[in-house]
Amino acid sequence: MFAEFDLKRYEGAGAQLHVRHGGSGPAVLLLHGHPRTHATWHRVAPHLVAAGHTVVCPDLRGYGQSSKPPTDEEHRPYSKRAMAEDCLALMRGLGHERFAVVGHDRGAYVAARLALDHPEAVSALTVLDAVPIGEALRRCDAKFAASWWHWFFLGQTDKPAERIINADPDAWYKATPEHMGAEAYEDYRRAIHDPATVHAMCEDYRAGLGVDREHDDADQQSGRRIGCPLQVLWATRDDMADLYGDVLDVWRDWSGDWLGGGPIESGHHIAEEAPEALVSALREFWQITAEHHPRAEDPEDPTGQLEH
């Protein structure tokens, strides 16, 4: 798994991140979702390296083997803004001032926050199986509550979920080595059996119901948009279309002058279940944006997108 990738710890903005990175060429940051680790990308990252990219795959703060900073009453250390600042510090520490970002599930919220807060750093953004947190909560109805009840369960503080999850993590988080790959499964299983990681993952959801929504709502009210080209992909065997109908339309008020994407034949964990289709969609998106969205501020680099 991740042959010829380096595995090290790097400093984020307020956490130490467990990171694999490899390859050379334009940089791509891959951000996993809940309850996965960076290993969820093990079937995607080598293809991107072979296509001529530097690929960086961290465990988000609180997840996997990255550090778990102490929380506070507002759960701000686990806000997507804090996680995005970790990622920015990581990429700059690795020498990448501008890069593409791909985020899945909870990682998609971090990716979007990174593009919103640091537009100078993100050349292209891809989100997988997600709409903005503020949009999801604003549109919440009985169907959403029935399907995504775990948002509200994990977000509780008076009756914390940690005790229930830690009683039998394998039963709570159902995954198999056949589905994920043996090494990725072991990395994931190590994480879910660590009570500190379980607590941090719950803090992620607690931040989502509070401070993350505040940040999204403030952006919407101010008219702030994602300035870089935005690609939205979703799994056909997940519930994004059932919940939101036209998923791209949900993102329309958040995007700039380039929004594209569509469904991929897969279950929720697209990087594990349909890696070839995902890589193909990413490479097509990056090629289009490179051709049609050169960096105006850098006339010496007409393709400008995804530079090192």
C-alpha atoms as a PDB file:
ATOM      1  CA  MET A   1       0.000   0.000   0.000  1.00  0.00           C
ATOM      2  CA  PHE A   2       1.338   3.432  -1.034  1.00  0.00           C
ATOM      3  CA  ALA A   3       4.552   1.949  -2.444  1.00  0.00           C
ATOM      4  CA  GLU A   4       7.306   4.580  -2.724  1.00  0.00           C
ATOM      5  CA  PHE A   5       5.347   7.090  -0.624  1.00  0.00           C
ATOM      6  CA  ASP A   6       6.968   8.717   2.396  1.00  0.00           C
ATOM      7  CA  LEU A   7       5.184   8.330   5.739  1.00  0.00           C
ATOM      8  CA  LYS A   8       6.006  11.016   8.309  1.00  0.00           C
ATOM      9  CA  ARG A   9       4.532  13.411  10.852  1.00  0.00           C
ATOM     10  CA  TYR A  10       4.304  17.062   9.949  1.00  0.00           C
ATOM     11  CA  GLU A  11       3.204  20.170  11.808  1.00  0.00           C
ATOM     12  CA  GLY A  12      -0.178  21.608  10.959  1.00  0.00           C
ATOM     13  CA  ALA A  13      -1.432  24.908  12.373  1.00  0.00           C
ATOM     14  CA  GLY A  14      -2.285  23.380  15.752  1.00  0.00           C
ATOM     15  CA  ALA A  15      -1.864  19.637  15.393  1.00  0.00           C
ATOM     16  CA  GLN A  16       0.696  17.106  14.228  1.00  0.00           C
ATOM     17  CA  LEU A  17      -0.471  15.330  11.101  1.00  0.00           C
ATOM     18  CA  HIS A  18       0.280  11.748  10.081  1.00  0.00           C
ATOM     19  CA  VAL A  19       0.946  12.068   6.344  1.00  0.00           C
ATOM     20  CA  ARG A  20       1.828  10.008   3.301  1.00  0.00           C
ATOM     21  CA  HIS A  21       3.106  11.816   0.246  1.00  0.00           C
ATOM     22  CA  GLY A  22       4.816  10.851  -2.958  1.00  0.00           C
ATOM     23  CA  GLY A  23       5.335  11.619  -6.617  1.00  0.00           C
ATOM     24  CA  SER A  24       6.459  14.747  -8.402  1.00  0.00           C
ATOM     25  CA  GLY A  25       4.705  17.426 -10.376  1.00  0.00           C
ATOM     26  CA  PRO A  26       1.575  19.462  -9.670  1.00  0.00           C
ATOM     27  CA  ALA A  27       0.388  18.943  -6.088  1.00  0.00           C
ATOM     28  CA  VAL A  28      -2.900  17.365  -5.041  1.00  0.00           C
ATOM     29  CA  LEU A  29      -4.163  17.191  -1.439  1.00  0.00           C
ATOM     30  CA  LEU A  30      -6.545  14.275  -0.698  1.00  0.00           C
ATOM     31  CA  LEU A  31      -8.753  14.563   2.418  1.00  0.00           C
ATOM     32  CA  HIS A  32     -10.588  11.535   3.810  1.00  0.00           C
ATOM     33  CA  GLY A  33     -13.976  11.346   5.511  1.00  0.00           C
ATOM     34  CA  HIS A  34     -15.403   9.772   8.662  1.00  0.00           C
ATOM     35  CA  PRO A  35     -14.396   7.303  10.054  1.00  0.00           C
ATOM     36  CA  ARG A  36     -11.648   6.621   7.529  1.00  0.00           C
ATOM     37  CA  THR A  37      -7.978   7.570   7.544  1.00  0.00           C
ATOM     38  CA  HIS A  38      -5.646   8.695   4.763  1.00  0.00           C
ATOM     39  CA  ALA A  39      -5.464   5.026   3.731  1.00  0.00           C
ATOM     40  CA  THR A  40      -8.867   5.324   2.042  1.00  0.00           C
ATOM     41  CA  TRP A  41      -6.958   6.827  -0.931  1.00  0.00           C
ATOM     42  CA  HIS A  42      -4.591   3.882  -1.428  1.00  0.00           C
ATOM     43  CA  ARG A  43      -6.266   2.830  -4.685  1.00  0.00           C
ATOM     44  CA  VAL A  44      -6.328   6.386  -6.056  1.00  0.00           C
ATOM     45  CA  ALA A  45      -3.035   7.967  -5.019  1.00  0.00           C
ATOM     46  CA  PRO A  46      -0.720   5.697  -7.064  1.00  0.00           C
ATOM     47  CA  HIS A  47      -2.688   6.432 -10.254  1.00  0.00           C
ATOM     48  CA  LEU A  48      -2.325  10.168  -9.679  1.00  0.00           C
ATOM     49  CA  VAL A  49       1.409   9.797  -9.061  1.00  0.00           C
ATOM     50  CA  ALA A  50       1.716   7.776 -12.271  1.00  0.00           C
ATOM     51  CA  ALA A  51      -0.119  10.593 -14.084  1.00  0.00           C
ATOM     52  CA  GLY A  52       2.530  13.079 -12.955  1.00  0.00           C
ATOM     53  CA  HIS A  53       1.280  14.545  -9.684  1.00  0.00           C
ATOM     54  CA  THR A  54       2.643  15.013  -6.202  1.00  0.00           C
ATOM     55  CA  VAL A  55       0.023  13.476  -3.905  1.00  0.00           C
ATOM     56  CA  VAL A  56      -0.373  14.364  -0.220  1.00  0.00           C
ATOM     57  CA  CYS A  57      -2.681  12.276   2.006  1.00  0.00           C
ATOM     58  CA  PRO A  58      -2.928  13.320   5.677  1.00  0.00           C
ATOM     59  CA  ASP A  59      -4.977  11.983   8.530  1.00  0.00           C
ATOM     60  CA  LEU A  60      -7.087  14.992   9.503  1.00  0.00           C
ATOM     61  CA  ARG A  61      -6.569  16.300  13.029  1.00  0.00           C
ATOM     62  CA  GLY A  62      -8.309  13.983  15.469  1.00  0.00           C
ATOM     63  CA  TYR A  63      -8.427  11.124  12.961  1.00  0.00           C
ATOM     64  CA  GLY A  64      -6.148   8.148  12.469  1.00  0.00           C
ATOM     65  CA  GLN A  65      -2.703   8.721  13.906  1.00  0.00           C
ATOM     66  CA  SER A  66      -2.767  12.523  13.770  1.00  0.00           C
ATOM     67  CA  SER A  67      -2.792  14.324  17.119  1.00  0.00           C
ATOM     68  CA  LYS A  68      -5.954  15.101  19.063  1.00  0.00           C
ATOM     69  CA  PRO A  69      -5.821  18.674  20.405  1.00  0.00           C
ATOM     70  CA  PRO A  70      -7.869  19.462  23.531  1.00  0.00           C
ATOM     71  CA  THR A  71     -11.324  20.755  22.739  1.00  0.00           C
ATOM     72  CA  ASP A  72     -13.349  23.643  24.164  1.00  0.00           C
ATOM     73  CA  GLU A  73     -17.003  24.344  24.867  1.00  0.00           C
ATOM     74  CA  GLU A  74     -17.627  25.529  21.310  1.00  0.00           C
ATOM     75  CA  HIS A  75     -15.605  22.660  19.768  1.00  0.00           C
ATOM     76  CA  ARG A  76     -13.550  25.166  17.754  1.00  0.00           C
ATOM     77  CA  PRO A  77     -10.372  23.030  17.734  1.00  0.00           C
ATOM     78  CA  TYR A  78     -12.367  20.580  15.569  1.00  0.00           C
ATOM     79  CA  SER A  79     -13.914  23.165  13.277  1.00  0.00           C
ATOM     80  CA  LYS A  80     -13.325  22.736   9.578  1.00  0.00           C
ATOM     81  CA  ARG A  81     -11.567  26.106   9.667  1.00  0.00           C
ATOM     82  CA  ALA A  82      -8.990  24.734  12.120  1.00  0.00           C
ATOM     83  CA  MET A  83      -8.573  21.569  10.059  1.00  0.00           C
ATOM     84  CA  ALA A  84      -8.177  23.626   6.875  1.00  0.00           C
ATOM     85  CA  GLU A  85      -5.457  25.707   8.511  1.00  0.00           C
ATOM     86  CA  ASP A  86      -3.639  22.473   9.393  1.00  0.00           C
ATOM     87  CA  CYS A  87      -3.775  21.468   5.746  1.00  0.00           C
ATOM     88  CA  LEU A  88      -2.529  24.831   4.536  1.00  0.00           C
ATOM     89  CA  ALA A  89       0.411  24.731   6.954  1.00  0.00           C
ATOM     90  CA  LEU A  90       1.181  21.158   5.875  1.00  0.00           C
ATOM     91  CA  MET A  91       1.212  21.974   2.175  1.00  0.00           C
ATOM     92  CA  ARG A  92       3.297  25.092   2.619  1.00  0.00           C
ATOM     93  CA  GLY A  93       5.702  23.134   4.792  1.00  0.00           C
ATOM     94  CA  LEU A  94       6.075  20.662   1.928  1.00  0.00           C
ATOM     95  CA  GLY A  95       6.762  23.509  -0.487  1.00  0.00           C
ATOM     96  CA  HIS A  96       3.375  23.697  -2.218  1.00  0.00           C
ATOM     97  CA  GLU A  97       2.018  27.239  -2.356  1.00  0.00           C
ATOM     98  CA  ARG A  98      -0.855  26.373  -4.710  1.00  0.00           C
ATOM     99  CA  PHE A  99      -2.501  22.990  -5.178  1.00  0.00           C
ATOM    100  CA  ALA A 100      -5.664  21.087  -6.010  1.00  0.00           C
ATOM    101  CA  VAL A 101      -7.803  19.672  -3.201  1.00  0.00           C
ATOM    102  CA  VAL A 102     -10.100  16.639  -3.204  1.00  0.00           C
ATOM    103  CA  GLY A 103     -12.264  15.955  -0.159  1.00  0.00           C
ATOM    104  CA  HIS A 104     -14.691  13.149   0.638  1.00  0.00           C
ATOM    105  CA  ASP A 105     -17.481  13.240   3.248  1.00  0.00           C
ATOM    106  CA  ARG A 106     -16.184  15.201   6.286  1.00  0.00           C
ATOM    107  CA  GLY A 107     -13.005  15.870   4.346  1.00  0.00           C
ATOM    108  CA  ALA A 108     -15.113  17.627   1.714  1.00  0.00           C
ATOM    109  CA  TYR A 109     -16.141  20.203   4.327  1.00  0.00           C
ATOM    110  CA  VAL A 110     -12.480  20.786   5.183  1.00  0.00           C
ATOM    111  CA  ALA A 111     -11.634  21.072   1.486  1.00  0.00           C
ATOM    112  CA  ALA A 112     -14.404  23.602   0.866  1.00  0.00           C
ATOM    113  CA  ARG A 113     -13.396  25.640   3.919  1.00  0.00           C
ATOM    114  CA  LEU A 114      -9.786  25.646   2.684  1.00  0.00           C
ATOM    115  CA  ALA A 115     -10.920  27.015  -0.693  1.00  0.00           C
ATOM    116  CA  LEU A 116     -13.150  29.643   0.938  1.00  0.00           C
ATOM    117  CA  ASP A 117     -10.647  30.831   3.541  1.00  0.00           C
ATOM    118  CA  HIS A 118      -7.477  30.569   1.430  1.00  0.00           C
ATOM    119  CA  PRO A 119      -8.417  31.146  -2.224  1.00  0.00           C
ATOM    120  CA  GLU A 120      -4.835  32.012  -3.106  1.00  0.00           C
ATOM    121  CA  ALA A 121      -3.759  28.452  -2.268  1.00  0.00           C
ATOM    122  CA  VAL A 122      -6.431  26.291  -3.942  1.00  0.00           C
ATOM    123  CA  SER A 123      -6.322  25.984  -7.725  1.00  0.00           C
ATOM    124  CA  ALA A 124      -9.152  23.473  -8.114  1.00  0.00           C
ATOM    125  CA  LEU A 125     -11.611  21.881  -5.684  1.00  0.00           C
ATOM    126  CA  THR A 126     -13.389  18.530  -5.878  1.00  0.00           C
ATOM    127  CA  VAL A 127     -15.975  17.479  -3.277  1.00  0.00           C
ATOM    128  CA  LEU A 128     -17.293  13.927  -3.046  1.00  0.00           C
ATOM    129  CA  ASP A 129     -20.691  13.049  -1.554  1.00  0.00           C
ATOM    130  CA  ALA A 130     -21.246  16.347   0.254  1.00  0.00           C
ATOM    131  CA  VAL A 131     -23.074  19.648   0.230  1.00  0.00           C
ATOM    132  CA  PRO A 132     -22.043  22.532   2.513  1.00  0.00           C
ATOM    133  CA  ILE A 133     -22.814  21.866   6.175  1.00  0.00           C
ATOM    134  CA  GLY A 134     -24.927  25.003   6.389  1.00  0.00           C
ATOM    135  CA  GLU A 135     -26.966  23.881   3.377  1.00  0.00           C
ATOM    136  CA  ALA A 136     -27.490  20.387   4.789  1.00  0.00           C
ATOM    137  CA  LEU A 137     -28.769  21.715   8.116  1.00  0.00           C
ATOM    138  CA  ARG A 138     -30.877  24.438   6.525  1.00  0.00           C
ATOM    139  CA  ARG A 139     -32.577  21.847   4.300  1.00  0.00           C
ATOM    140  CA  CYS A 140     -32.929  19.257   7.067  1.00  0.00           C
ATOM    141  CA  ASP A 141     -36.288  17.476   7.012  1.00  0.00           C
ATOM    142  CA  ALA A 142     -37.671  14.167   8.241  1.00  0.00           C
ATOM    143  CA  LYS A 143     -35.946  12.260   5.418  1.00  0.00           C
ATOM    144  CA  PHE A 144     -32.565  13.787   6.275  1.00  0.00           C
ATOM    145  CA  ALA A 145     -33.061  13.186  10.001  1.00  0.00           C
ATOM    146  CA  ALA A 146     -33.953   9.535   9.400  1.00  0.00           C
ATOM    147  CA  SER A 147     -31.028   8.906   7.043  1.00  0.00           C
ATOM    148  CA  TRP A 148     -28.372  11.069   8.707  1.00  0.00           C
ATOM    149  CA  TRP A 149     -29.423  10.726  12.353  1.00  0.00           C
ATOM    150  CA  HIS A 150     -25.818   9.995  13.257  1.00  0.00           C
ATOM    151  CA  TRP A 151     -25.018  13.706  12.782  1.00  0.00           C
ATOM    152  CA  PHE A 152     -27.213  14.527  15.755  1.00  0.00           C
ATOM    153  CA  PHE A 153     -26.261  11.469  17.800  1.00  0.00           C
ATOM    154  CA  LEU A 154     -22.524  12.050  17.440  1.00  0.00           C
ATOM    155  CA  GLY A 155     -23.046  15.747  18.075  1.00  0.00           C
ATOM    156  CA  GLN A 156     -24.584  15.308  21.520  1.00  0.00           C
ATOM    157  CA  THR A 157     -22.631  16.355  24.596  1.00  0.00           C
ATOM    158  CA  ASP A 158     -25.090  15.642  27.427  1.00  0.00           C
ATOM    159  CA  LYS A 159     -25.407  12.025  26.296  1.00  0.00           C
ATOM    160  CA  PRO A 160     -22.108  11.453  24.537  1.00  0.00           C
ATOM    161  CA  ALA A 161     -21.839   8.780  21.866  1.00  0.00           C
ATOM    162  CA  GLU A 162     -18.327   7.743  22.802  1.00  0.00           C
ATOM    163  CA  ARG A 163     -19.390   5.165  25.422  1.00  0.00           C
ATOM    164  CA  ILE A 164     -21.672   3.380  22.960  1.00  0.00           C
ATOM    165  CA  ILE A 165     -19.142   3.349  20.123  1.00  0.00           C
ATOM    166  CA  ASN A 166     -16.235   2.265  22.331  1.00  0.00           C
ATOM    167  CA  ALA A 167     -18.251  -0.659  23.662  1.00  0.00           C
ATOM    168  CA  ASP A 168     -17.948  -2.365  20.248  1.00  0.00           C
ATOM    169  CA  PRO A 169     -16.297  -0.246  17.534  1.00  0.00           C
ATOM    170  CA  ASP A 170     -16.352  -3.049  14.956  1.00  0.00           C
ATOM    171  CA  ALA A 171     -20.111  -3.425  15.295  1.00  0.00           C
ATOM    172  CA  TRP A 172     -20.674   0.322  15.149  1.00  0.00           C
ATOM    173  CA  TYR A 173     -18.390   0.980  12.170  1.00  0.00           C
ATOM    174  CA  LYS A 174     -19.066  -1.853   9.790  1.00  0.00           C
ATOM    175  CA  ALA A 175     -16.291  -2.360   7.262  1.00  0.00           C
ATOM    176  CA  THR A 176     -14.381  -5.351   5.910  1.00  0.00           C
ATOM    177  CA  PRO A 177     -10.845  -5.932   4.627  1.00  0.00           C
ATOM    178  CA  GLU A 178     -12.369  -7.345   1.436  1.00  0.00           C
ATOM    179  CA  HIS A 179     -14.048  -4.002   0.812  1.00  0.00           C
ATOM    180  CA  MET A 180     -11.240  -1.687   1.877  1.00  0.00           C
ATOM    181  CA  GLY A 181      -8.094  -3.719   1.274  1.00  0.00           C
ATOM    182  CA  ALA A 182      -6.266  -5.481   4.091  1.00  0.00           C
ATOM    183  CA  GLU A 183      -3.727  -2.773   4.980  1.00  0.00           C
ATOM    184  CA  ALA A 184      -6.227   0.082   4.739  1.00  0.00           C
ATOM    185  CA  TYR A 185      -8.617  -1.903   6.926  1.00  0.00           C
ATOM    186  CA  GLU A 186      -5.972  -2.390   9.591  1.00  0.00           C
ATOM    187  CA  ASP A 187      -5.187   1.327   9.591  1.00  0.00           C
ATOM    188  CA  TYR A 188      -8.888   2.143   9.934  1.00  0.00           C
ATOM    189  CA  ARG A 189      -9.414  -0.483  12.624  1.00  0.00           C
ATOM    190  CA  ARG A 190      -6.499   0.844  14.675  1.00  0.00           C
ATOM    191  CA  ALA A 191      -8.176   4.241  14.583  1.00  0.00           C
ATOM    192  CA  ILE A 192     -11.688   3.211  15.588  1.00  0.00           C
ATOM    193  CA  HIS A 193     -10.345   1.178  18.540  1.00  0.00           C
ATOM    194  CA  ASP A 194      -8.607   4.256  19.976  1.00  0.00           C
ATOM    195  CA  PRO A 195     -11.001   6.042  22.396  1.00  0.00           C
ATOM    196  CA  ALA A 196      -9.146   9.324  21.851  1.00  0.00           C
ATOM    197  CA  THR A 197      -9.838   9.092  18.123  1.00  0.00           C
ATOM    198  CA  VAL A 198     -13.497   8.237  18.707  1.00  0.00           C
ATOM    199  CA  HIS A 199     -13.825  11.296  20.954  1.00  0.00           C
ATOM    200  CA  ALA A 200     -12.128  13.520  18.381  1.00  0.00           C
ATOM    201  CA  MET A 201     -14.399  12.234  15.611  1.00  0.00           C
ATOM    202  CA  CYS A 202     -17.432  13.099  17.726  1.00  0.00           C
ATOM    203  CA  GLU A 203     -15.945  16.550  18.272  1.00  0.00           C
ATOM    204  CA  ASP A 204     -15.831  16.933  14.486  1.00  0.00           C
ATOM    205  CA  TYR A 205     -19.623  16.439  14.400  1.00  0.00           C
ATOM    206  CA  ARG A 206     -20.188  18.703  17.391  1.00  0.00           C
ATOM    207  CA  ALA A 207     -18.314  21.448  15.591  1.00  0.00           C
ATOM    208  CA  GLY A 208     -20.429  20.722  12.528  1.00  0.00           C
ATOM    209  CA  LEU A 209     -23.675  21.453  14.326  1.00  0.00           C
ATOM    210  CA  GLY A 210     -22.352  24.717  15.765  1.00  0.00           C
ATOM    211  CA  VAL A 211     -19.287  26.656  14.741  1.00  0.00           C
ATOM    212  CA  ASP A 212     -19.028  25.142  11.239  1.00  0.00           C
ATOM    213  CA  ARG A 213     -22.610  26.093  10.484  1.00  0.00           C
ATOM    214  CA  GLU A 214     -21.921  29.591  11.773  1.00  0.00           C
ATOM    215  CA  HIS A 215     -18.995  29.909   9.373  1.00  0.00           C
ATOM    216  CA  ASP A 216     -21.062  28.635   6.424  1.00  0.00           C
ATOM    217  CA  ASP A 217     -23.998  30.895   7.234  1.00  0.00           C
ATOM    218  CA  ALA A 218     -21.716  33.922   7.545  1.00  0.00           C
ATOM    219  CA  ASP A 219     -20.223  33.162   4.133  1.00  0.00           C
ATOM    220  CA  GLN A 220     -23.632  32.793   2.524  1.00  0.00           C
ATOM    221  CA  GLN A 221     -24.923  36.019   4.029  1.00  0.00           C
ATOM    222  CA  SER A 222     -21.874  37.923   2.812  1.00  0.00           C
ATOM    223  CA  GLY A 223     -22.036  36.403  -0.676  1.00  0.00           C
ATOM    224  CA  ARG A 224     -18.643  34.769  -0.334  1.00  0.00           C
ATOM    225  CA  ARG A 225     -18.013  32.119  -2.980  1.00  0.00           C
ATOM    226  CA  ILE A 226     -15.482  29.469  -3.905  1.00  0.00           C
ATOM    227  CA  GLY A 227     -13.268  31.256  -6.400  1.00  0.00           C
ATOM    228  CA  CYS A 228     -11.527  28.297  -8.023  1.00  0.00           C
ATOM    229  CA  PRO A 229     -13.148  25.797 -10.414  1.00  0.00           C
ATOM    230  CA  LEU A 230     -15.409  23.435  -8.464  1.00  0.00           C
ATOM    231  CA  GLN A 231     -16.190  19.806  -9.283  1.00  0.00           C
ATOM    232  CA  VAL A 232     -18.938  17.980  -7.374  1.00  0.00           C
ATOM    233  CA  LEU A 233     -19.142  14.182  -7.612  1.00  0.00           C
ATOM    234  CA  TRP A 234     -21.551  11.865  -5.838  1.00  0.00           C
ATOM    235  CA  ALA A 235     -22.137   8.119  -5.603  1.00  0.00           C
ATOM    236  CA  THR A 236     -25.131   6.605  -7.369  1.00  0.00           C
ATOM    237  CA  ARG A 237     -25.661   4.131  -4.539  1.00  0.00           C
ATOM    238  CA  ASP A 238     -25.681   6.789  -1.838  1.00  0.00           C
ATOM    239  CA  ASP A 239     -28.510   9.187  -0.979  1.00  0.00           C
ATOM    240  CA  MET A 240     -27.286  12.561  -2.245  1.00  0.00           C
ATOM    241  CA  ALA A 241     -29.740  12.727  -5.156  1.00  0.00           C
ATOM    242  CA  ASP A 242     -32.598  11.439  -2.988  1.00  0.00           C
ATOM    243  CA  LEU A 243     -31.958  14.158  -0.425  1.00  0.00           C
ATOM    244  CA  TYR A 244     -31.128  17.075  -2.697  1.00  0.00           C
ATOM    245  CA  GLY A 245     -32.359  16.309  -6.195  1.00  0.00           C
ATOM    246  CA  ASP A 246     -29.960  18.311  -8.362  1.00  0.00           C
ATOM    247  CA  VAL A 247     -26.809  18.159  -6.241  1.00  0.00           C
ATOM    248  CA  LEU A 248     -24.999  20.639  -8.476  1.00  0.00           C
ATOM    249  CA  ASP A 249     -27.792  23.149  -7.932  1.00  0.00           C
ATOM    250  CA  VAL A 250     -27.136  23.084  -4.175  1.00  0.00           C
ATOM    251  CA  TRP A 251     -23.557  24.180  -4.846  1.00  0.00           C
ATOM    252  CA  ARG A 252     -24.482  26.821  -7.444  1.00  0.00           C
ATOM    253  CA  ASP A 253     -24.744  29.665  -4.921  1.00  0.00           C
ATOM    254  CA  TRP A 254     -21.329  28.696  -3.528  1.00  0.00           C
ATOM    255  CA  SER A 255     -19.389  28.450  -6.771  1.00  0.00           C
ATOM    256  CA  GLY A 256     -17.697  31.001  -8.976  1.00  0.00           C
ATOM    257  CA  ASP A 257     -17.712  30.850 -12.753  1.00  0.00           C
ATOM    258  CA  TRP A 258     -16.922  27.122 -13.140  1.00  0.00           C
ATOM    259  CA  LEU A 259     -19.065  24.357 -11.646  1.00  0.00           C
ATOM    260  CA  GLY A 260     -19.238  20.822 -12.985  1.00  0.00           C
ATOM    261  CA  GLY A 261     -19.443  17.190 -12.018  1.00  0.00           C
ATOM    262  CA  GLY A 262     -22.021  14.445 -11.748  1.00  0.00           C
ATOM    263  CA  PRO A 263     -22.681  10.946 -10.421  1.00  0.00           C
ATOM    264  CA  ILE A 264     -20.213   8.062 -10.267  1.00  0.00           C
ATOM    265  CA  GLU A 265     -21.406   4.461 -10.201  1.00  0.00           C
ATOM    266  CA  SER A 266     -20.374   3.524  -6.668  1.00  0.00           C
ATOM    267  CA  GLY A 267     -21.348   3.266  -3.056  1.00  0.00           C
ATOM    268  CA  HIS A 268     -20.442   6.015  -0.587  1.00  0.00           C
ATOM    269  CA  HIS A 269     -16.704   5.270  -0.388  1.00  0.00           C
ATOM    270  CA  ILE A 270     -15.918   6.203  -3.981  1.00  0.00           C
ATOM    271  CA  ALA A 271     -12.131   6.098  -3.612  1.00  0.00           C
ATOM    272  CA  GLU A 272     -12.319   2.490  -2.435  1.00  0.00           C
ATOM    273  CA  GLU A 273     -15.140   1.241  -4.671  1.00  0.00           C
ATOM    274  CA  ALA A 274     -14.593   3.085  -7.966  1.00  0.00           C
ATOM    275  CA  PRO A 275     -10.994   4.373  -7.971  1.00  0.00           C
ATOM    276  CA  GLU A 276     -10.495   4.214 -11.743  1.00  0.00           C
ATOM    277  CA  ALA A 277     -13.682   6.178 -12.436  1.00  0.00           C
ATOM    278  CA  LEU A 278     -12.720   8.747  -9.819  1.00  0.00           C
ATOM    279  CA  VAL A 279      -9.201   9.200 -11.204  1.00  0.00           C
ATOM    280  CA  SER A 280     -10.625   9.596 -14.712  1.00  0.00           C
ATOM    281  CA  ALA A 281     -13.093  12.257 -13.546  1.00  0.00           C
ATOM    282  CA  LEU A 282     -10.385  14.138 -11.646  1.00  0.00           C
ATOM    283  CA  ARG A 283      -7.926  14.152 -14.517  1.00  0.00           C
ATOM    284  CA  GLU A 284     -10.590  15.322 -16.984  1.00  0.00           C
ATOM    285  CA  PHE A 285     -11.571  18.146 -14.612  1.00  0.00           C
ATOM    286  CA  TRP A 286      -7.995  19.271 -14.096  1.00  0.00           C
ATOM    287  CA  GLN A 287      -7.334  19.232 -17.831  1.00  0.00           C
ATOM    288  CA  ILE A 288     -10.398  21.371 -18.545  1.00  0.00           C
ATOM    289  CA  THR A 289      -9.589  23.862 -15.810  1.00  0.00           C
ATOM    290  CA  ALA A 290      -5.967  24.082 -16.929  1.00  0.00           C
ATOM    291  CA  GLU A 291      -7.099  24.943 -20.451  1.00  0.00           C
ATOM    292  CA  HIS A 292      -9.829  27.409 -19.547  1.00  0.00           C
ATOM    293  CA  HIS A 293      -8.778  28.906 -16.213  1.00  0.00           C
ATOM    294  CA  PRO A 294      -5.165  30.067 -16.452  1.00  0.00           C
ATOM    295  CA  ARG A 295      -3.839  32.092 -13.555  1.00  0.00           C
ATOM    296  CA  ALA A 296      -4.303  35.694 -14.645  1.00  0.00           C
ATOM    297  CA  GLU A 297      -1.683  36.878 -12.167  1.00  0.00           C
ATOM    298  CA  ASP A 298       1.033  34.681 -13.725  1.00  0.00           C
ATOM    299  CA  PRO A 299       1.310  35.289 -17.507  1.00  0.00           C
ATOM    300  CA  GLU A 300       4.491  33.203 -17.641  1.00  0.00           C
ATOM    301  CA  ASP A 301       2.503  30.118 -16.646  1.00  0.00           C
ATOM    302  CA  PRO A 302      -0.516  29.885 -18.967  1.00  0.00           C
ATOM    303  CA  THR A 303      -1.651  26.528 -17.601  1.00  0.00           C
ATOM    304  CA  GLY A 304      -1.180  27.683 -14.014  1.00  0.00           C
ATOM    305  CA  GLN A 305      -3.416  25.085 -12.406  1.00  0.00           C
ATOM    306  CA  LEU A 306      -2.032  22.653  -9.863  1.00  0.00           C
ATOM    307  CA  GLU A 307       1.473  23.970  -9.734  1.00  0.00           C
ATOM    308  CA  HIS A 308       4.092  22.692  -7.338  1.00  0.00           C
END
